């Protein structure tokens, strides 16, 4: 993931992040939870492709994932989940900024989506 981010290889980055998600979904210990995660995750794929094109996004996600790895090694589930949520929140914030939060010259919000 780090190499893909450094090389700005969006396709490889997206493949790796999807593989990581599938790994955790498969090993979550609940078939029902795994199906739910897949159900809510699949519609978000088009946004992930967009986010990977935002300058600095891939590198930031790599830092979050490295933190998640360290938290898992320390058996700190709370920290790992906090970092996973931070990735989602960062994506939500960027999507809002680029698709919803643009203002016109009068300072009014202009919806682009």
PDB file of N, CA and C in Angstrom:
ATOM      1  N   UNK A   1       0.829  -1.187   0.000  1.00  0.00           N
ATOM      2  CA  UNK A   1       0.000   0.000   0.000  1.00  0.00           C
ATOM      3  C   UNK A   1       0.871   1.247   0.000  1.00  0.00           C
ATOM      4  N   UNK A   2       1.904   1.220   0.815  1.00  0.00           N
ATOM      5  CA  UNK A   2       2.824   2.357   0.883  1.00  0.00           C
ATOM      6  C   UNK A   2       3.495   2.587  -0.467  1.00  0.00           C
ATOM      7  N   UNK A   3       3.969   1.524  -1.105  1.00  0.00           N
ATOM      8  CA  UNK A   3       4.622   1.641  -2.402  1.00  0.00           C
ATOM      9  C   UNK A   3       3.642   2.204  -3.441  1.00  0.00           C
ATOM     10  N   UNK A   4       2.425   1.724  -3.448  1.00  0.00           N
ATOM     11  CA  UNK A   4       1.423   2.211  -4.398  1.00  0.00           C
ATOM     12  C   UNK A   4       1.163   3.699  -4.176  1.00  0.00           C
ATOM     13  N   UNK A   5       1.083   4.122  -2.917  1.00  0.00           N
ATOM     14  CA  UNK A   5       0.852   5.533  -2.611  1.00  0.00           C
ATOM     15  C   UNK A   5       2.038   6.386  -3.069  1.00  0.00           C
ATOM     16  N   UNK A   6       3.259   5.926  -2.782  1.00  0.00           N
ATOM     17  CA  UNK A   6       4.450   6.681  -3.185  1.00  0.00           C
ATOM     18  C   UNK A   6       4.567   6.801  -4.704  1.00  0.00           C
ATOM     19  N   UNK A   7       4.098   5.771  -5.414  1.00  0.00           N
ATOM     20  CA  UNK A   7       4.157   5.780  -6.870  1.00  0.00           C
ATOM     21  C   UNK A   7       2.909   6.411  -7.495  1.00  0.00           C
ATOM     22  N   UNK A   8       1.984   6.879  -6.654  1.00  0.00           N
ATOM     23  CA  UNK A   8       0.698   7.428  -7.119  1.00  0.00           C
ATOM     24  C   UNK A   8      -0.039   6.440  -8.008  1.00  0.00           C
ATOM     25  N   UNK A   9       0.060   5.165  -7.669  1.00  0.00           N
ATOM     26  CA  UNK A   9      -0.602   4.104  -8.423  1.00  0.00           C
ATOM     27  C   UNK A   9      -1.977   3.859  -7.800  1.00  0.00           C
ATOM     28  N   UNK A  10      -2.952   4.638  -8.260  1.00  0.00           N
ATOM     29  CA  UNK A  10      -4.299   4.567  -7.687  1.00  0.00           C
ATOM     30  C   UNK A  10      -4.909   3.179  -7.812  1.00  0.00           C
ATOM     31  N   UNK A  11      -4.755   2.551  -8.976  1.00  0.00           N
ATOM     32  CA  UNK A  11      -5.361   1.241  -9.200  1.00  0.00           C
ATOM     33  C   UNK A  11      -4.835   0.212  -8.190  1.00  0.00           C
ATOM     34  N   UNK A  12      -3.516   0.165  -8.033  1.00  0.00           N
ATOM     35  CA  UNK A  12      -2.915  -0.790  -7.094  1.00  0.00           C
ATOM     36  C   UNK A  12      -3.325  -0.458  -5.661  1.00  0.00           C
ATOM     37  N   UNK A  13      -3.345   0.828  -5.330  1.00  0.00           N
ATOM     38  CA  UNK A  13      -3.757   1.258  -3.997  1.00  0.00           C
ATOM     39  C   UNK A  13      -5.175   0.771  -3.697  1.00  0.00           C
ATOM     40  N   UNK A  14      -6.079   0.961  -4.644  1.00  0.00           N
ATOM     41  CA  UNK A  14      -7.469   0.543  -4.450  1.00  0.00           C
ATOM     42  C   UNK A  14      -7.582  -0.974  -4.357  1.00  0.00           C
ATOM     43  N   UNK A  15      -6.792  -1.698  -5.140  1.00  0.00           N
ATOM     44  CA  UNK A  15      -6.791  -3.163  -5.055  1.00  0.00           C
ATOM     45  C   UNK A  15      -6.352  -3.624  -3.670  1.00  0.00           C
ATOM     46  N   UNK A  16      -5.310  -3.002  -3.150  1.00  0.00           N
ATOM     47  CA  UNK A  16      -4.775  -3.396  -1.844  1.00  0.00           C
ATOM     48  C   UNK A  16      -5.754  -3.055  -0.729  1.00  0.00           C
ATOM     49  N   UNK A  17      -6.323  -1.857  -0.762  1.00  0.00           N
ATOM     50  CA  UNK A  17      -7.279  -1.497   0.299  1.00  0.00           C
ATOM     51  C   UNK A  17      -8.498  -2.406   0.261  1.00  0.00           C
ATOM     52  N   UNK A  18      -8.941  -2.794  -0.935  1.00  0.00           N
ATOM     53  CA  UNK A  18     -10.069  -3.727  -1.050  1.00  0.00           C
ATOM     54  C   UNK A  18      -9.695  -5.101  -0.497  1.00  0.00           C
ATOM     55  N   UNK A  19      -8.467  -5.542  -0.769  1.00  0.00           N
ATOM     56  CA  UNK A  19      -8.007  -6.838  -0.251  1.00  0.00           C
ATOM     57  C   UNK A  19      -7.941  -6.823   1.274  1.00  0.00           C
ATOM     58  N   UNK A  20      -7.492  -5.723   1.843  1.00  0.00           N
ATOM     59  CA  UNK A  20      -7.437  -5.598   3.304  1.00  0.00           C
ATOM     60  C   UNK A  20      -8.845  -5.668   3.885  1.00  0.00           C
ATOM     61  N   UNK A  21      -9.762  -4.953   3.267  1.00  0.00           N
ATOM     62  CA  UNK A  21     -11.150  -4.972   3.745  1.00  0.00           C
ATOM     63  C   UNK A  21     -11.743  -6.376   3.652  1.00  0.00           C
ATOM     64  N   UNK A  22     -11.496  -7.071   2.542  1.00  0.00           N
ATOM     65  CA  UNK A  22     -12.007  -8.440   2.392  1.00  0.00           C
ATOM     66  C   UNK A  22     -11.405  -9.360   3.459  1.00  0.00           C
ATOM     67  N   UNK A  23     -10.122  -9.174   3.768  1.00  0.00           N
ATOM     68  CA  UNK A  23      -9.477 -10.001   4.790  1.00  0.00           C
ATOM     69  C   UNK A  23     -10.182  -9.836   6.131  1.00  0.00           C
ATOM     70  N   UNK A  24     -10.389  -8.589   6.547  1.00  0.00           N
ATOM     71  CA  UNK A  24     -11.022  -8.363   7.843  1.00  0.00           C
ATOM     72  C   UNK A  24     -12.491  -8.782   7.837  1.00  0.00           C
ATOM     73  N   UNK A  25     -13.164  -8.588   6.718  1.00  0.00           N
ATOM     74  CA  UNK A  25     -14.555  -9.020   6.616  1.00  0.00           C
ATOM     75  C   UNK A  25     -14.641 -10.534   6.747  1.00  0.00           C
ATOM     76  N   UNK A  26     -13.741 -11.231   6.079  1.00  0.00           N
ATOM     77  CA  UNK A  26     -13.734 -12.691   6.113  1.00  0.00           C
ATOM     78  C   UNK A  26     -13.407 -13.222   7.513  1.00  0.00           C
ATOM     79  N   UNK A  27     -12.571 -12.503   8.249  1.00  0.00           N
ATOM     80  CA  UNK A  27     -12.131 -12.966   9.566  1.00  0.00           C
ATOM     81  C   UNK A  27     -12.855 -12.288  10.729  1.00  0.00           C
ATOM     82  N   UNK A  28     -13.973 -11.649  10.484  1.00  0.00           N
ATOM     83  CA  UNK A  28     -14.659 -10.921  11.557  1.00  0.00           C
ATOM     84  C   UNK A  28     -15.386 -11.846  12.525  1.00  0.00           C
ATOM     85  N   UNK A  29     -15.563 -13.107  12.156  1.00  0.00           N
ATOM     86  CA  UNK A  29     -16.171 -14.057  13.072  1.00  0.00           C
ATOM     87  C   UNK A  29     -17.686 -14.143  12.968  1.00  0.00           C
ATOM     88  N   UNK A  30     -18.272 -13.403  12.066  1.00  0.00           N
ATOM     89  CA  UNK A  30     -19.732 -13.428  11.911  1.00  0.00           C
ATOM     90  C   UNK A  30     -20.075 -13.306  10.430  1.00  0.00           C
ATOM     91  N   UNK A  31     -20.710 -14.340   9.907  1.00  0.00           N
ATOM     92  CA  UNK A  31     -21.132 -14.303   8.514  1.00  0.00           C
ATOM     93  C   UNK A  31     -22.111 -13.177   8.249  1.00  0.00           C
ATOM     94  N   UNK A  32     -23.015 -12.956   9.183  1.00  0.00           N
ATOM     95  CA  UNK A  32     -24.005 -11.885   9.029  1.00  0.00           C
ATOM     96  C   UNK A  32     -23.326 -10.520   9.001  1.00  0.00           C
ATOM     97  N   UNK A  33     -22.386 -10.298   9.906  1.00  0.00           N
ATOM     98  CA  UNK A  33     -21.655  -9.032   9.929  1.00  0.00           C
ATOM     99  C   UNK A  33     -20.834  -8.867   8.649  1.00  0.00           C
ATOM    100  N   UNK A  34     -20.212  -9.943   8.194  1.00  0.00           N
ATOM    101  CA  UNK A  34     -19.432  -9.892   6.959  1.00  0.00           C
ATOM    102  C   UNK A  34     -20.292  -9.487   5.769  1.00  0.00           C
ATOM    103  N   UNK A  35     -21.482 -10.064   5.656  1.00  0.00           N
ATOM    104  CA  UNK A  35     -22.386  -9.700   4.552  1.00  0.00           C
ATOM    105  C   UNK A  35     -22.835  -8.250   4.677  1.00  0.00           C
ATOM    106  N   UNK A  36     -23.081  -7.807   5.897  1.00  0.00           N
ATOM    107  CA  UNK A  36     -23.490  -6.410   6.117  1.00  0.00           C
ATOM    108  C   UNK A  36     -22.376  -5.443   5.697  1.00  0.00           C
ATOM    109  N   UNK A  37     -21.153  -5.751   6.077  1.00  0.00           N
ATOM    110  CA  UNK A  37     -20.016  -4.906   5.716  1.00  0.00           C
ATOM    111  C   UNK A  37     -19.883  -4.839   4.195  1.00  0.00           C
ATOM    112  N   UNK A  38     -20.009  -5.979   3.524  1.00  0.00           N
ATOM    113  CA  UNK A  38     -19.940  -5.983   2.063  1.00  0.00           C
ATOM    114  C   UNK A  38     -21.081  -5.168   1.455  1.00  0.00           C
ATOM    115  N   UNK A  39     -22.272  -5.292   2.026  1.00  0.00           N
ATOM    116  CA  UNK A  39     -23.433  -4.597   1.496  1.00  0.00           C
ATOM    117  C   UNK A  39     -23.263  -3.079   1.587  1.00  0.00           C
ATOM    118  N   UNK A  40     -22.750  -2.583   2.693  1.00  0.00           N
ATOM    119  CA  UNK A  40     -22.593  -1.135   2.818  1.00  0.00           C
ATOM    120  C   UNK A  40     -21.313  -0.637   2.162  1.00  0.00           C
ATOM    121  N   UNK A  41     -20.336  -1.522   1.992  1.00  0.00           N
ATOM    122  CA  UNK A  41     -19.071  -1.106   1.401  1.00  0.00           C
ATOM    123  C   UNK A  41     -19.090  -0.997  -0.104  1.00  0.00           C
ATOM    124  N   UNK A  42     -19.807  -1.880  -0.773  1.00  0.00           N
ATOM    125  CA  UNK A  42     -19.796  -1.885  -2.235  1.00  0.00           C
ATOM    126  C   UNK A  42     -20.274  -0.584  -2.862  1.00  0.00           C
ATOM    127  N   UNK A  43     -21.353   0.041  -2.371  1.00  0.00           N
ATOM    128  CA  UNK A  43     -21.760   1.318  -2.979  1.00  0.00           C
ATOM    129  C   UNK A  43     -20.727   2.432  -2.817  1.00  0.00           C
ATOM    130  N   UNK A  44     -19.819   2.285  -1.877  1.00  0.00           N
ATOM    131  CA  UNK A  44     -18.813   3.318  -1.622  1.00  0.00           C
ATOM    132  C   UNK A  44     -17.600   3.213  -2.547  1.00  0.00           C
ATOM    133  N   UNK A  45     -17.512   2.162  -3.346  1.00  0.00           N
ATOM    134  CA  UNK A  45     -16.332   1.950  -4.187  1.00  0.00           C
ATOM    135  C   UNK A  45     -16.081   3.102  -5.156  1.00  0.00           C
ATOM    136  N   UNK A  46     -17.151   3.668  -5.718  1.00  0.00           N
ATOM    137  CA  UNK A  46     -16.955   4.777  -6.663  1.00  0.00           C
ATOM    138  C   UNK A  46     -16.347   5.988  -5.966  1.00  0.00           C
ATOM    139  N   UNK A  47     -16.671   6.191  -4.692  1.00  0.00           N
ATOM    140  CA  UNK A  47     -16.096   7.304  -3.946  1.00  0.00           C
ATOM    141  C   UNK A  47     -14.640   7.044  -3.599  1.00  0.00           C
ATOM    142  N   UNK A  48     -14.301   5.784  -3.333  1.00  0.00           N
ATOM    143  CA  UNK A  48     -12.911   5.455  -3.037  1.00  0.00           C
ATOM    144  C   UNK A  48     -12.014   5.782  -4.224  1.00  0.00           C
ATOM    145  N   UNK A  49     -12.504   5.496  -5.424  1.00  0.00           N
ATOM    146  CA  UNK A  49     -11.717   5.802  -6.622  1.00  0.00           C
ATOM    147  C   UNK A  49     -11.484   7.303  -6.723  1.00  0.00           C
ATOM    148  N   UNK A  50     -12.501   8.088  -6.419  1.00  0.00           N
ATOM    149  CA  UNK A  50     -12.342   9.542  -6.426  1.00  0.00           C
ATOM    150  C   UNK A  50     -11.351   9.969  -5.351  1.00  0.00           C
ATOM    151  N   UNK A  51     -11.529   9.465  -4.134  1.00  0.00           N
ATOM    152  CA  UNK A  51     -10.675   9.878  -3.024  1.00  0.00           C
ATOM    153  C   UNK A  51      -9.204   9.581  -3.299  1.00  0.00           C
ATOM    154  N   UNK A  52      -8.930   8.473  -3.959  1.00  0.00           N
ATOM    155  CA  UNK A  52      -7.541   8.115  -4.262  1.00  0.00           C
ATOM    156  C   UNK A  52      -6.886   9.128  -5.194  1.00  0.00           C
ATOM    157  N   UNK A  53      -7.692   9.940  -5.874  1.00  0.00           N
ATOM    158  CA  UNK A  53      -7.134  10.962  -6.763  1.00  0.00           C
ATOM    159  C   UNK A  53      -6.886  12.285  -6.050  1.00  0.00           C
ATOM    160  N   UNK A  54      -7.341  12.414  -4.814  1.00  0.00           N
ATOM    161  CA  UNK A  54      -7.126  13.638  -4.039  1.00  0.00           C
ATOM    162  C   UNK A  54      -5.672  13.655  -3.555  1.00  0.00           C
ATOM    163  N   UNK A  55      -4.921  14.711  -3.866  1.00  0.00           N
ATOM    164  CA  UNK A  55      -3.512  14.769  -3.454  1.00  0.00           C
ATOM    165  C   UNK A  55      -3.337  14.555  -1.947  1.00  0.00           C
ATOM    166  N   UNK A  56      -2.444  13.632  -1.591  1.00  0.00           N
ATOM    167  CA  UNK A  56      -2.127  13.361  -0.197  1.00  0.00           C
ATOM    168  C   UNK A  56      -3.027  12.342   0.473  1.00  0.00           C
ATOM    169  N   UNK A  57      -4.149  11.999  -0.151  1.00  0.00           N
ATOM    170  CA  UNK A  57      -5.097  11.079   0.485  1.00  0.00           C
ATOM    171  C   UNK A  57      -4.492   9.691   0.685  1.00  0.00           C
ATOM    172  N   UNK A  58      -3.866   9.148  -0.346  1.00  0.00           N
ATOM    173  CA  UNK A  58      -3.332   7.789  -0.221  1.00  0.00           C
ATOM    174  C   UNK A  58      -2.273   7.713   0.878  1.00  0.00           C
ATOM    175  N   UNK A  59      -1.407   8.699   0.942  1.00  0.00           N
ATOM    176  CA  UNK A  59      -0.369   8.704   1.967  1.00  0.00           C
ATOM    177  C   UNK A  59      -0.986   8.779   3.370  1.00  0.00           C
ATOM    178  N   UNK A  60      -2.047   9.563   3.507  1.00  0.00           N
ATOM    179  CA  UNK A  60      -2.714   9.684   4.804  1.00  0.00           C
ATOM    180  C   UNK A  60      -3.353   8.354   5.212  1.00  0.00           C
ATOM    181  N   UNK A  61      -3.989   7.686   4.261  1.00  0.00           N
ATOM    182  CA  UNK A  61      -4.609   6.388   4.551  1.00  0.00           C
ATOM    183  C   UNK A  61      -3.548   5.366   4.949  1.00  0.00           C
ATOM    184  N   UNK A  62      -2.393   5.413   4.298  1.00  0.00           N
ATOM    185  CA  UNK A  62      -1.295   4.509   4.661  1.00  0.00           C
ATOM    186  C   UNK A  62      -0.913   4.729   6.124  1.00  0.00           C
ATOM    187  N   UNK A  63      -0.794   5.987   6.551  1.00  0.00           N
ATOM    188  CA  UNK A  63      -0.444   6.272   7.947  1.00  0.00           C
ATOM    189  C   UNK A  63      -1.489   5.705   8.903  1.00  0.00           C
ATOM    190  N   UNK A  64      -2.763   5.864   8.558  1.00  0.00           N
ATOM    191  CA  UNK A  64      -3.822   5.292   9.395  1.00  0.00           C
ATOM    192  C   UNK A  64      -3.692   3.774   9.472  1.00  0.00           C
ATOM    193  N   UNK A  65      -3.439   3.138   8.329  1.00  0.00           N
ATOM    194  CA  UNK A  65      -3.322   1.682   8.318  1.00  0.00           C
ATOM    195  C   UNK A  65      -2.109   1.195   9.098  1.00  0.00           C
ATOM    196  N   UNK A  66      -1.010   1.921   9.020  1.00  0.00           N
ATOM    197  CA  UNK A  66       0.151   1.547   9.837  1.00  0.00           C
ATOM    198  C   UNK A  66      -0.184   1.644  11.321  1.00  0.00           C
ATOM    199  N   UNK A  67      -0.953   2.657  11.690  1.00  0.00           N
ATOM    200  CA  UNK A  67      -1.410   2.776  13.071  1.00  0.00           C
ATOM    201  C   UNK A  67      -2.322   1.636  13.470  1.00  0.00           C
ATOM    202  N   UNK A  68      -3.175   1.204  12.541  1.00  0.00           N
ATOM    203  CA  UNK A  68      -4.068   0.074  12.810  1.00  0.00           C
ATOM    204  C   UNK A  68      -3.254  -1.191  13.044  1.00  0.00           C
ATOM    205  N   UNK A  69      -2.224  -1.396  12.236  1.00  0.00           N
ATOM    206  CA  UNK A  69      -1.359  -2.570  12.406  1.00  0.00           C
ATOM    207  C   UNK A  69      -0.723  -2.551  13.792  1.00  0.00           C
ATOM    208  N   UNK A  70      -0.193  -1.399  14.198  1.00  0.00           N
ATOM    209  CA  UNK A  70       0.431  -1.294  15.524  1.00  0.00           C
ATOM    210  C   UNK A  70      -0.590  -1.558  16.630  1.00  0.00           C
ATOM    211  N   UNK A  71      -1.799  -1.038  16.460  1.00  0.00           N
ATOM    212  CA  UNK A  71      -2.842  -1.252  17.468  1.00  0.00           C
ATOM    213  C   UNK A  71      -3.212  -2.732  17.563  1.00  0.00           C
ATOM    214  N   UNK A  72      -3.296  -3.400  16.418  1.00  0.00           N
ATOM    215  CA  UNK A  72      -3.610  -4.835  16.419  1.00  0.00           C
ATOM    216  C   UNK A  72      -2.487  -5.613  17.092  1.00  0.00           C
ATOM    217  N   UNK A  73      -1.241  -5.254  16.796  1.00  0.00           N
ATOM    218  CA  UNK A  73      -0.110  -5.930  17.437  1.00  0.00           C
ATOM    219  C   UNK A  73      -0.153  -5.773  18.951  1.00  0.00           C
ATOM    220  N   UNK A  74      -0.635  -4.627  19.427  1.00  0.00           N
ATOM    221  CA  UNK A  74      -0.741  -4.369  20.865  1.00  0.00           C
ATOM    222  C   UNK A  74      -2.064  -4.865  21.441  1.00  0.00           C
ATOM    223  N   UNK A  75      -2.891  -5.487  20.572  1.00  0.00           N
ATOM    224  CA  UNK A  75      -4.213  -5.977  20.967  1.00  0.00           C
ATOM    225  C   UNK A  75      -5.100  -4.845  21.500  1.00  0.00           C
ATOM    226  N   UNK A  76      -4.962  -3.688  20.889  1.00  0.00           N
ATOM    227  CA  UNK A  76      -5.733  -2.505  21.266  1.00  0.00           C
ATOM    228  C   UNK A  76      -6.853  -2.290  20.246  1.00  0.00           C
ATOM    229  N   UNK A  77      -7.948  -3.032  20.425  1.00  0.00           N
ATOM    230  CA  UNK A  77      -9.066  -2.978  19.479  1.00  0.00           C
ATOM    231  C   UNK A  77      -9.697  -1.592  19.428  1.00  0.00           C
ATOM    232  N   UNK A  78      -9.738  -0.912  20.557  1.00  0.00           N
ATOM    233  CA  UNK A  78     -10.339   0.418  20.595  1.00  0.00           C
ATOM    234  C   UNK A  78      -9.564   1.387  19.707  1.00  0.00           C
ATOM    235  N   UNK A  79      -8.244   1.351  19.787  1.00  0.00           N
ATOM    236  CA  UNK A  79      -7.409   2.231  18.958  1.00  0.00           C
ATOM    237  C   UNK A  79      -7.536   1.864  17.481  1.00  0.00           C
ATOM    238  N   UNK A  80      -7.527   0.569  17.179  1.00  0.00           N
ATOM    239  CA  UNK A  80      -7.658   0.130  15.789  1.00  0.00           C
ATOM    240  C   UNK A  80      -8.976   0.619  15.201  1.00  0.00           C
ATOM    241  N   UNK A  81     -10.045   0.465  15.937  1.00  0.00           N
ATOM    242  CA  UNK A  81     -11.355   0.920  15.456  1.00  0.00           C
ATOM    243  C   UNK A  81     -11.399   2.431  15.326  1.00  0.00           C
ATOM    244  N   UNK A  82     -10.777   3.135  16.240  1.00  0.00           N
ATOM    245  CA  UNK A  82     -10.725   4.596  16.172  1.00  0.00           C
ATOM    246  C   UNK A  82     -10.031   5.056  14.891  1.00  0.00           C
ATOM    247  N   UNK A  83      -8.945   4.403  14.534  1.00  0.00           N
ATOM    248  CA  UNK A  83      -8.218   4.756  13.318  1.00  0.00           C
ATOM    249  C   UNK A  83      -9.014   4.381  12.071  1.00  0.00           C
ATOM    250  N   UNK A  84      -9.705   3.252  12.113  1.00  0.00           N
ATOM    251  CA  UNK A  84     -10.539   2.869  10.982  1.00  0.00           C
ATOM    252  C   UNK A  84     -11.641   3.895  10.768  1.00  0.00           C
ATOM    253  N   UNK A  85     -12.237   4.351  11.851  1.00  0.00           N
ATOM    254  CA  UNK A  85     -13.272   5.386  11.748  1.00  0.00           C
ATOM    255  C   UNK A  85     -12.693   6.701  11.245  1.00  0.00           C
ATOM    256  N   UNK A  86     -11.464   6.990  11.610  1.00  0.00           N
ATOM    257  CA  UNK A  86     -10.814   8.222  11.142  1.00  0.00           C
ATOM    258  C   UNK A  86     -10.646   8.197   9.621  1.00  0.00           C
ATOM    259  N   UNK A  87     -10.343   7.030   9.060  1.00  0.00           N
ATOM    260  CA  UNK A  87     -10.245   6.906   7.606  1.00  0.00           C
ATOM    261  C   UNK A  87     -11.599   7.248   6.978  1.00  0.00           C
ATOM    262  N   UNK A  88     -12.649   6.678   7.512  1.00  0.00           N
ATOM    263  CA  UNK A  88     -13.995   6.931   6.978  1.00  0.00           C
ATOM    264  C   UNK A  88     -14.382   8.392   7.123  1.00  0.00           C
ATOM    265  N   UNK A  89     -14.087   8.968   8.265  1.00  0.00           N
ATOM    266  CA  UNK A  89     -14.435  10.377   8.500  1.00  0.00           C
ATOM    267  C   UNK A  89     -13.667  11.296   7.564  1.00  0.00           C
ATOM    268  N   UNK A  90     -12.408  10.988   7.336  1.00  0.00           N
ATOM    269  CA  UNK A  90     -11.611  11.779   6.411  1.00  0.00           C
ATOM    270  C   UNK A  90     -12.219  11.706   5.007  1.00  0.00           C
ATOM    271  N   UNK A  91     -12.605  10.526   4.572  1.00  0.00           N
ATOM    272  CA  UNK A  91     -13.241  10.369   3.266  1.00  0.00           C
ATOM    273  C   UNK A  91     -14.554  11.130   3.192  1.00  0.00           C
ATOM    274  N   UNK A  92     -15.364  11.046   4.250  1.00  0.00           N
ATOM    275  CA  UNK A  92     -16.640  11.764   4.291  1.00  0.00           C
ATOM    276  C   UNK A  92     -16.406  13.265   4.181  1.00  0.00           C
ATOM    277  N   UNK A  93     -15.417  13.755   4.893  1.00  0.00           N
ATOM    278  CA  UNK A  93     -15.105  15.181   4.875  1.00  0.00           C
ATOM    279  C   UNK A  93     -14.670  15.637   3.477  1.00  0.00           C
ATOM    280  N   UNK A  94     -13.836  14.855   2.830  1.00  0.00           N
ATOM    281  CA  UNK A  94     -13.369  15.208   1.483  1.00  0.00           C
ATOM    282  C   UNK A  94     -14.507  15.162   0.465  1.00  0.00           C
ATOM    283  N   UNK A  95     -15.357  14.160   0.557  1.00  0.00           N
ATOM    284  CA  UNK A  95     -16.496  14.069  -0.359  1.00  0.00           C
ATOM    285  C   UNK A  95     -17.405  15.273  -0.169  1.00  0.00           C
ATOM    286  N   UNK A  96     -17.650  15.628   1.080  1.00  0.00           N
ATOM    287  CA  UNK A  96     -18.473  16.809   1.349  1.00  0.00           C
ATOM    288  C   UNK A  96     -17.828  18.049   0.749  1.00  0.00           C
ATOM    289  N   UNK A  97     -16.537  18.200   0.944  1.00  0.00           N
ATOM    290  CA  UNK A  97     -15.826  19.375   0.437  1.00  0.00           C
ATOM    291  C   UNK A  97     -15.911  19.469  -1.090  1.00  0.00           C
ATOM    292  N   UNK A  98     -15.638  18.365  -1.771  1.00  0.00           N
ATOM    293  CA  UNK A  98     -15.558  18.412  -3.225  1.00  0.00           C
ATOM    294  C   UNK A  98     -16.911  18.347  -3.928  1.00  0.00           C
ATOM    295  N   UNK A  99     -17.914  17.715  -3.301  1.00  0.00           N
ATOM    296  CA  UNK A  99     -19.187  17.538  -3.985  1.00  0.00           C
ATOM    297  C   UNK A  99     -20.317  18.399  -3.442  1.00  0.00           C
ATOM    298  N   UNK A 100     -20.236  18.789  -2.199  1.00  0.00           N
ATOM    299  CA  UNK A 100     -21.364  19.495  -1.591  1.00  0.00           C
ATOM    300  C   UNK A 100     -20.989  20.882  -1.110  1.00  0.00           C
ATOM    301  N   UNK A 101     -19.855  21.025  -0.491  1.00  0.00           N
ATOM    302  CA  UNK A 101     -19.523  22.228   0.243  1.00  0.00           C
ATOM    303  C   UNK A 101     -18.948  23.389  -0.513  1.00  0.00           C
ATOM    304  N   UNK A 102     -19.028  23.418  -1.816  1.00  0.00           N
ATOM    305  CA  UNK A 102     -18.521  24.570  -2.558  1.00  0.00           C
ATOM    306  C   UNK A 102     -19.490  25.734  -2.431  1.00  0.00           C
ATOM    307  N   UNK A 103     -18.958  26.925  -2.327  1.00  0.00           N
ATOM    308  CA  UNK A 103     -19.782  28.130  -2.210  1.00  0.00           C
ATOM    309  C   UNK A 103     -19.718  28.930  -3.494  1.00  0.00           C
ATOM    310  N   UNK A 104     -20.796  29.625  -3.780  1.00  0.00           N
ATOM    311  CA  UNK A 104     -20.751  30.559  -4.909  1.00  0.00           C
ATOM    312  C   UNK A 104     -20.123  31.850  -4.438  1.00  0.00           C
ATOM    313  N   UNK A 105     -20.058  32.880  -5.293  1.00  0.00           N
ATOM    314  CA  UNK A 105     -19.375  34.138  -4.935  1.00  0.00           C
ATOM    315  C   UNK A 105     -20.077  34.861  -3.807  1.00  0.00           C
ATOM    316  N   UNK A 106     -21.355  34.617  -3.617  1.00  0.00           N
ATOM    317  CA  UNK A 106     -22.100  35.282  -2.533  1.00  0.00           C
ATOM    318  C   UNK A 106     -21.971  34.564  -1.203  1.00  0.00           C
ATOM    319  N   UNK A 107     -21.188  33.476  -1.147  1.00  0.00           N
ATOM    320  CA  UNK A 107     -20.993  32.763   0.101  1.00  0.00           C
ATOM    321  C   UNK A 107     -22.058  31.714   0.369  1.00  0.00           C
ATOM    322  N   UNK A 108     -22.997  31.532  -0.560  1.00  0.00           N
ATOM    323  CA  UNK A 108     -24.032  30.533  -0.387  1.00  0.00           C
ATOM    324  C   UNK A 108     -23.497  29.186  -0.848  1.00  0.00           C
ATOM    325  N   UNK A 109     -23.947  28.132  -0.166  1.00  0.00           N
ATOM    326  CA  UNK A 109     -23.528  26.799  -0.547  1.00  0.00           C
ATOM    327  C   UNK A 109     -24.106  26.428  -1.897  1.00  0.00           C
ATOM    328  N   UNK A 110     -23.258  25.922  -2.777  1.00  0.00           N
ATOM    329  CA  UNK A 110     -23.671  25.492  -4.096  1.00  0.00           C
ATOM    330  C   UNK A 110     -23.524  23.974  -4.155  1.00  0.00           C
ATOM    331  N   UNK A 111     -24.633  23.282  -4.340  1.00  0.00           N
ATOM    332  CA  UNK A 111     -24.599  21.827  -4.389  1.00  0.00           C
ATOM    333  C   UNK A 111     -24.154  21.400  -5.786  1.00  0.00           C
ATOM    334  N   UNK A 112     -23.098  20.581  -5.829  1.00  0.00           N
ATOM    335  CA  UNK A 112     -22.550  20.145  -7.109  1.00  0.00           C
ATOM    336  C   UNK A 112     -22.990  18.730  -7.464  1.00  0.00           C
ATOM    337  N   UNK A 113     -23.430  17.961  -6.499  1.00  0.00           N
ATOM    338  CA  UNK A 113     -23.813  16.564  -6.756  1.00  0.00           C
ATOM    339  C   UNK A 113     -25.265  16.456  -7.149  1.00  0.00           C
TER     340      UNK A 113
END
